[in-house]
Structures are given as C-alpha cells and as structure tokens.
Amino acid sequence: MSVNVGTIDRIIRIIAGLALIAWALMGGPVWAWIGVLPLATGLFGICPTYSLLGINSCGLKK
C-alpha cells in the first residue's frame, strides 16, 4: 500500500484521534476508543477505505 492521505488530512485525523482517545480516557463512552483508527491512519498516512474507494488526498499522481 502506498501513502494516500495528504498533509492536512493527516493533521485533522491525528487531532481528531487524540481528542477521541482523551475523551475515552476521561470517562467518555466506550465508542470514543474509535479514535485509535484516525490516529493510526494519520500517523501512517495510509487509509484502507481510501484505497478501496480510489481516493488519494496527498495530491501525488502515480
């Protein structure tokens, strides 16, 4: 798999993921642990859903 998540997209995913995880740690609902997914996709730059849908937000044409 190649990188398919752009810089701004990655920043938003990391912030959203960290916010959801922090909420879960502070007694939020169990579903807030879903923040691990956007955090991981933001850190690694690879989104399996984007691959399935043929989306590439990094602006690189390969």
PDB file of N, CA and C in Angstrom:
ATOM      1  N   MET A   1       0.838  -1.185   0.000  1.00  0.00           N
ATOM      2  CA  MET A   1       0.000   0.000   0.000  1.00  0.00           C
ATOM      3  C   MET A   1       0.878   1.241   0.000  1.00  0.00           C
ATOM      4  N   SER A   2       0.470   2.226  -0.752  1.00  0.00           N
ATOM      5  CA  SER A   2       1.213   3.478  -0.784  1.00  0.00           C
ATOM      6  C   SER A   2       0.455   4.544   0.005  1.00  0.00           C
ATOM      7  N   VAL A   3       1.159   5.594   0.344  1.00  0.00           N
ATOM      8  CA  VAL A   3       0.569   6.699   1.106  1.00  0.00           C
ATOM      9  C   VAL A   3      -0.550   7.319   0.284  1.00  0.00           C
ATOM     10  N   ASN A   4      -1.717   7.476   0.900  1.00  0.00           N
ATOM     11  CA  ASN A   4      -2.848   8.064   0.199  1.00  0.00           C
ATOM     12  C   ASN A   4      -3.574   9.121   1.030  1.00  0.00           C
ATOM     13  N   VAL A   5      -2.937   9.577   2.118  1.00  0.00           N
ATOM     14  CA  VAL A   5      -3.530  10.584   2.982  1.00  0.00           C
ATOM     15  C   VAL A   5      -2.617  11.809   2.974  1.00  0.00           C
ATOM     16  N   GLY A   6      -3.163  12.956   2.559  1.00  0.00           N
ATOM     17  CA  GLY A   6      -2.389  14.186   2.456  1.00  0.00           C
ATOM     18  C   GLY A   6      -2.100  14.828   3.801  1.00  0.00           C
ATOM     19  N   THR A   7      -1.287  15.871   3.777  1.00  0.00           N
ATOM     20  CA  THR A   7      -0.810  16.517   4.997  1.00  0.00           C
ATOM     21  C   THR A   7      -1.932  17.094   5.842  1.00  0.00           C
ATOM     22  N   ILE A   8      -2.804  17.878   5.256  1.00  0.00           N
ATOM     23  CA  ILE A   8      -3.897  18.484   6.024  1.00  0.00           C
ATOM     24  C   ILE A   8      -4.826  17.396   6.548  1.00  0.00           C
ATOM     25  N   ASP A   9      -5.126  16.422   5.723  1.00  0.00           N
ATOM     26  CA  ASP A   9      -5.958  15.286   6.114  1.00  0.00           C
ATOM     27  C   ASP A   9      -5.320  14.553   7.299  1.00  0.00           C
ATOM     28  N   ARG A  10      -4.020  14.362   7.259  1.00  0.00           N
ATOM     29  CA  ARG A  10      -3.301  13.670   8.331  1.00  0.00           C
ATOM     30  C   ARG A  10      -3.396  14.457   9.636  1.00  0.00           C
ATOM     31  N   ILE A  11      -3.203  15.768   9.560  1.00  0.00           N
ATOM     32  CA  ILE A  11      -3.270  16.611  10.761  1.00  0.00           C
ATOM     33  C   ILE A  11      -4.649  16.537  11.393  1.00  0.00           C
ATOM     34  N   ILE A  12      -5.675  16.624  10.580  1.00  0.00           N
ATOM     35  CA  ILE A  12      -7.051  16.547  11.089  1.00  0.00           C
ATOM     36  C   ILE A  12      -7.307  15.190  11.731  1.00  0.00           C
ATOM     37  N   ARG A  13      -6.849  14.121  11.099  1.00  0.00           N
ATOM     38  CA  ARG A  13      -7.042  12.776  11.641  1.00  0.00           C
ATOM     39  C   ARG A  13      -6.324  12.611  12.984  1.00  0.00           C
ATOM     40  N   ILE A  14      -5.098  13.118  13.077  1.00  0.00           N
ATOM     41  CA  ILE A  14      -4.329  12.985  14.316  1.00  0.00           C
ATOM     42  C   ILE A  14      -5.001  13.756  15.448  1.00  0.00           C
ATOM     43  N   ILE A  15      -5.425  14.984  15.178  1.00  0.00           N
ATOM     44  CA  ILE A  15      -6.093  15.787  16.205  1.00  0.00           C
ATOM     45  C   ILE A  15      -7.402  15.138  16.636  1.00  0.00           C
ATOM     46  N   ALA A  16      -8.196  14.689  15.668  1.00  0.00           N
ATOM     47  CA  ALA A  16      -9.474  14.047  15.999  1.00  0.00           C
ATOM     48  C   ALA A  16      -9.253  12.762  16.784  1.00  0.00           C
ATOM     49  N   GLY A  17      -8.272  11.969  16.366  1.00  0.00           N
ATOM     50  CA  GLY A  17      -7.971  10.719  17.059  1.00  0.00           C
ATOM     51  C   GLY A  17      -7.534  10.958  18.491  1.00  0.00           C
ATOM     52  N   LEU A  18      -6.632  11.916  18.681  1.00  0.00           N
ATOM     53  CA  LEU A  18      -6.164  12.222  20.036  1.00  0.00           C
ATOM     54  C   LEU A  18      -7.295  12.759  20.910  1.00  0.00           C
ATOM     55  N   ALA A  19      -8.157  13.588  20.328  1.00  0.00           N
ATOM     56  CA  ALA A  19      -9.288  14.133  21.080  1.00  0.00           C
ATOM     57  C   ALA A  19     -10.241  13.016  21.526  1.00  0.00           C
ATOM     58  N   LEU A  20     -10.541  12.097  20.634  1.00  0.00           N
ATOM     59  CA  LEU A  20     -11.434  10.989  20.981  1.00  0.00           C
ATOM     60  C   LEU A  20     -10.818  10.077  22.042  1.00  0.00           C
ATOM     61  N   ILE A  21      -9.531   9.788  21.918  1.00  0.00           N
ATOM     62  CA  ILE A  21      -8.859   8.936  22.903  1.00  0.00           C
ATOM     63  C   ILE A  21      -8.826   9.629  24.262  1.00  0.00           C
ATOM     64  N   ALA A  22      -8.538  10.925  24.271  1.00  0.00           N
ATOM     65  CA  ALA A  22      -8.529  11.682  25.531  1.00  0.00           C
ATOM     66  C   ALA A  22      -9.907  11.649  26.177  1.00  0.00           C
ATOM     67  N   TRP A  23     -10.940  11.788  25.365  1.00  0.00           N
ATOM     68  CA  TRP A  23     -12.304  11.740  25.881  1.00  0.00           C
ATOM     69  C   TRP A  23     -12.595  10.375  26.504  1.00  0.00           C
ATOM     70  N   ALA A  24     -12.173   9.320  25.823  1.00  0.00           N
ATOM     71  CA  ALA A  24     -12.377   7.965  26.352  1.00  0.00           C
ATOM     72  C   ALA A  24     -11.636   7.785  27.671  1.00  0.00           C
ATOM     73  N   LEU A  25     -10.414   8.305  27.756  1.00  0.00           N
ATOM     74  CA  LEU A  25      -9.625   8.173  28.983  1.00  0.00           C
ATOM     75  C   LEU A  25     -10.212   8.968  30.146  1.00  0.00           C
ATOM     76  N   MET A  26     -10.937  10.035  29.830  1.00  0.00           N
ATOM     77  CA  MET A  26     -11.535  10.859  30.878  1.00  0.00           C
ATOM     78  C   MET A  26     -12.944  10.406  31.244  1.00  0.00           C
ATOM     79  N   GLY A  27     -13.283   9.186  30.894  1.00  0.00           N
ATOM     80  CA  GLY A  27     -14.583   8.646  31.279  1.00  0.00           C
ATOM     81  C   GLY A  27     -15.660   8.777  30.230  1.00  0.00           C
ATOM     82  N   GLY A  28     -15.282   9.068  29.023  1.00  0.00           N
ATOM     83  CA  GLY A  28     -16.253   9.168  27.938  1.00  0.00           C
ATOM     84  C   GLY A  28     -16.797   7.795  27.561  1.00  0.00           C
ATOM     85  N   PRO A  29     -17.632   7.760  26.562  1.00  0.00           N
ATOM     86  CA  PRO A  29     -18.215   6.484  26.143  1.00  0.00           C
ATOM     87  C   PRO A  29     -17.160   5.542  25.554  1.00  0.00           C
ATOM     88  N   VAL A  30     -17.462   4.270  25.600  1.00  0.00           N
ATOM     89  CA  VAL A  30     -16.541   3.254  25.095  1.00  0.00           C
ATOM     90  C   VAL A  30     -16.265   3.459  23.610  1.00  0.00           C
ATOM     91  N   TRP A  31     -17.247   3.899  22.849  1.00  0.00           N
ATOM     92  CA  TRP A  31     -17.055   4.061  21.412  1.00  0.00           C
ATOM     93  C   TRP A  31     -16.021   5.135  21.082  1.00  0.00           C
ATOM     94  N   ALA A  32     -15.656   5.972  22.036  1.00  0.00           N
ATOM     95  CA  ALA A  32     -14.660   7.017  21.782  1.00  0.00           C
ATOM     96  C   ALA A  32     -13.279   6.421  21.490  1.00  0.00           C
ATOM     97  N   TRP A  33     -13.077   5.156  21.856  1.00  0.00           N
ATOM     98  CA  TRP A  33     -11.807   4.482  21.531  1.00  0.00           C
ATOM     99  C   TRP A  33     -11.630   4.296  20.029  1.00  0.00           C
ATOM    100  N   ILE A  34     -12.680   4.563  19.267  1.00  0.00           N
ATOM    101  CA  ILE A  34     -12.566   4.511  17.805  1.00  0.00           C
ATOM    102  C   ILE A  34     -11.537   5.528  17.320  1.00  0.00           C
ATOM    103  N   GLY A  35     -11.156   6.460  18.183  1.00  0.00           N
ATOM    104  CA  GLY A  35     -10.140   7.453  17.858  1.00  0.00           C
ATOM    105  C   GLY A  35      -8.799   6.839  17.507  1.00  0.00           C
ATOM    106  N   VAL A  36      -8.604   5.573  17.868  1.00  0.00           N
ATOM    107  CA  VAL A  36      -7.361   4.888  17.506  1.00  0.00           C
ATOM    108  C   VAL A  36      -7.244   4.777  15.985  1.00  0.00           C
ATOM    109  N   LEU A  37      -8.345   4.606  15.292  1.00  0.00           N
ATOM    110  CA  LEU A  37      -8.314   4.451  13.834  1.00  0.00           C
ATOM    111  C   LEU A  37      -7.858   5.717  13.108  1.00  0.00           C
ATOM    112  N   PRO A  38      -8.490   6.875  13.356  1.00  0.00           N
ATOM    113  CA  PRO A  38      -7.985   8.063  12.656  1.00  0.00           C
ATOM    114  C   PRO A  38      -6.563   8.427  13.079  1.00  0.00           C
ATOM    115  N   LEU A  39      -6.207   8.151  14.332  1.00  0.00           N
ATOM    116  CA  LEU A  39      -4.847   8.416  14.774  1.00  0.00           C
ATOM    117  C   LEU A  39      -3.852   7.554  13.996  1.00  0.00           C
ATOM    118  N   ALA A  40      -4.140   6.277  13.856  1.00  0.00           N
ATOM    119  CA  ALA A  40      -3.245   5.373  13.128  1.00  0.00           C
ATOM    120  C   ALA A  40      -3.151   5.746  11.652  1.00  0.00           C
ATOM    121  N   THR A  41      -4.281   6.040  11.021  1.00  0.00           N
ATOM    122  CA  THR A  41      -4.238   6.398   9.604  1.00  0.00           C
ATOM    123  C   THR A  41      -3.521   7.728   9.400  1.00  0.00           C
ATOM    124  N   GLY A  42      -3.644   8.632  10.363  1.00  0.00           N
ATOM    125  CA  GLY A  42      -2.932   9.899  10.268  1.00  0.00           C
ATOM    126  C   GLY A  42      -1.436   9.729  10.447  1.00  0.00           C
ATOM    127  N   LEU A  43      -1.037   8.888  11.369  1.00  0.00           N
ATOM    128  CA  LEU A  43       0.388   8.673  11.618  1.00  0.00           C
ATOM    129  C   LEU A  43       1.069   7.916  10.487  1.00  0.00           C
ATOM    130  N   PHE A  44       0.393   6.906   9.965  1.00  0.00           N
ATOM    131  CA  PHE A  44       0.993   6.084   8.915  1.00  0.00           C
ATOM    132  C   PHE A  44       0.754   6.632   7.508  1.00  0.00           C
ATOM    133  N   GLY A  45      -0.279   7.469   7.338  1.00  0.00           N
ATOM    134  CA  GLY A  45      -0.556   8.049   6.026  1.00  0.00           C
ATOM    135  C   GLY A  45      -1.238   7.109   5.065  1.00  0.00           C
ATOM    136  N   ILE A  46      -1.749   6.009   5.575  1.00  0.00           N
ATOM    137  CA  ILE A  46      -2.414   5.020   4.730  1.00  0.00           C
ATOM    138  C   ILE A  46      -3.820   4.771   5.271  1.00  0.00           C
ATOM    139  N   CYS A  47      -4.811   4.948   4.423  1.00  0.00           N
ATOM    140  CA  CYS A  47      -6.199   4.705   4.809  1.00  0.00           C
ATOM    141  C   CYS A  47      -6.758   3.602   3.905  1.00  0.00           C
ATOM    142  N   PRO A  48      -7.046   2.431   4.478  1.00  0.00           N
ATOM    143  CA  PRO A  48      -7.588   1.332   3.675  1.00  0.00           C
ATOM    144  C   PRO A  48      -8.907   1.687   2.978  1.00  0.00           C
ATOM    145  N   THR A  49      -9.737   2.475   3.617  1.00  0.00           N
ATOM    146  CA  THR A  49     -11.001   2.871   2.996  1.00  0.00           C
ATOM    147  C   THR A  49     -10.744   3.735   1.767  1.00  0.00           C
ATOM    148  N   TYR A  50      -9.787   4.652   1.856  1.00  0.00           N
ATOM    149  CA  TYR A  50      -9.423   5.458   0.695  1.00  0.00           C
ATOM    150  C   TYR A  50      -8.954   4.557  -0.448  1.00  0.00           C
ATOM    151  N   SER A  51      -8.181   3.524  -0.125  1.00  0.00           N
ATOM    152  CA  SER A  51      -7.701   2.602  -1.159  1.00  0.00           C
ATOM    153  C   SER A  51      -8.864   1.903  -1.856  1.00  0.00           C
ATOM    154  N   LEU A  52      -9.832   1.454  -1.068  1.00  0.00           N
ATOM    155  CA  LEU A  52     -11.000   0.769  -1.641  1.00  0.00           C
ATOM    156  C   LEU A  52     -11.819   1.690  -2.541  1.00  0.00           C
ATOM    157  N   LEU A  53     -11.904   2.967  -2.148  1.00  0.00           N
ATOM    158  CA  LEU A  53     -12.715   3.927  -2.909  1.00  0.00           C
ATOM    159  C   LEU A  53     -11.924   4.658  -3.989  1.00  0.00           C
ATOM    160  N   GLY A  54     -10.614   4.419  -4.062  1.00  0.00           N
ATOM    161  CA  GLY A  54      -9.790   5.064  -5.060  1.00  0.00           C
ATOM    162  C   GLY A  54      -9.517   6.544  -4.778  1.00  0.00           C
ATOM    163  N   ILE A  55      -9.528   6.915  -3.508  1.00  0.00           N
ATOM    164  CA  ILE A  55      -9.299   8.313  -3.125  1.00  0.00           C
ATOM    165  C   ILE A  55      -7.831   8.489  -2.741  1.00  0.00           C
ATOM    166  N   ASN A  56      -7.266   9.640  -3.104  1.00  0.00           N
ATOM    167  CA  ASN A  56      -5.904   9.977  -2.738  1.00  0.00           C
ATOM    168  C   ASN A  56      -5.881  11.468  -2.413  1.00  0.00           C
ATOM    169  N   SER A  57      -5.727  11.808  -1.135  1.00  0.00           N
ATOM    170  CA  SER A  57      -5.749  13.214  -0.746  1.00  0.00           C
ATOM    171  C   SER A  57      -4.371  13.841  -0.665  1.00  0.00           C
ATOM    172  N   CYS A  58      -3.320  13.105  -1.044  1.00  0.00           N
ATOM    173  CA  CYS A  58      -1.982  13.700  -0.971  1.00  0.00           C
ATOM    174  C   CYS A  58      -1.610  14.485  -2.210  1.00  0.00           C
ATOM    175  N   GLY A  59      -2.345  14.396  -3.255  1.00  0.00           N
ATOM    176  CA  GLY A  59      -2.064  15.192  -4.437  1.00  0.00           C
ATOM    177  C   GLY A  59      -0.961  14.631  -5.313  1.00  0.00           C
ATOM    178  N   LEU A  60      -0.462  13.464  -4.992  1.00  0.00           N
ATOM    179  CA  LEU A  60       0.569  12.826  -5.802  1.00  0.00           C
ATOM    180  C   LEU A  60      -0.094  11.906  -6.816  1.00  0.00           C
ATOM    181  N   LYS A  61       0.300  12.049  -8.038  1.00  0.00           N
ATOM    182  CA  LYS A  61      -0.228  11.176  -9.090  1.00  0.00           C
ATOM    183  C   LYS A  61       0.809  10.118  -9.400  1.00  0.00           C
ATOM    184  N   LYS A  62       0.427   8.855  -9.260  1.00  0.00           N
ATOM    185  CA  LYS A  62       1.362   7.767  -9.550  1.00  0.00           C
ATOM    186  C   LYS A  62       0.856   6.917 -10.681  1.00  0.00           C
TER     187      LYS A  62
END
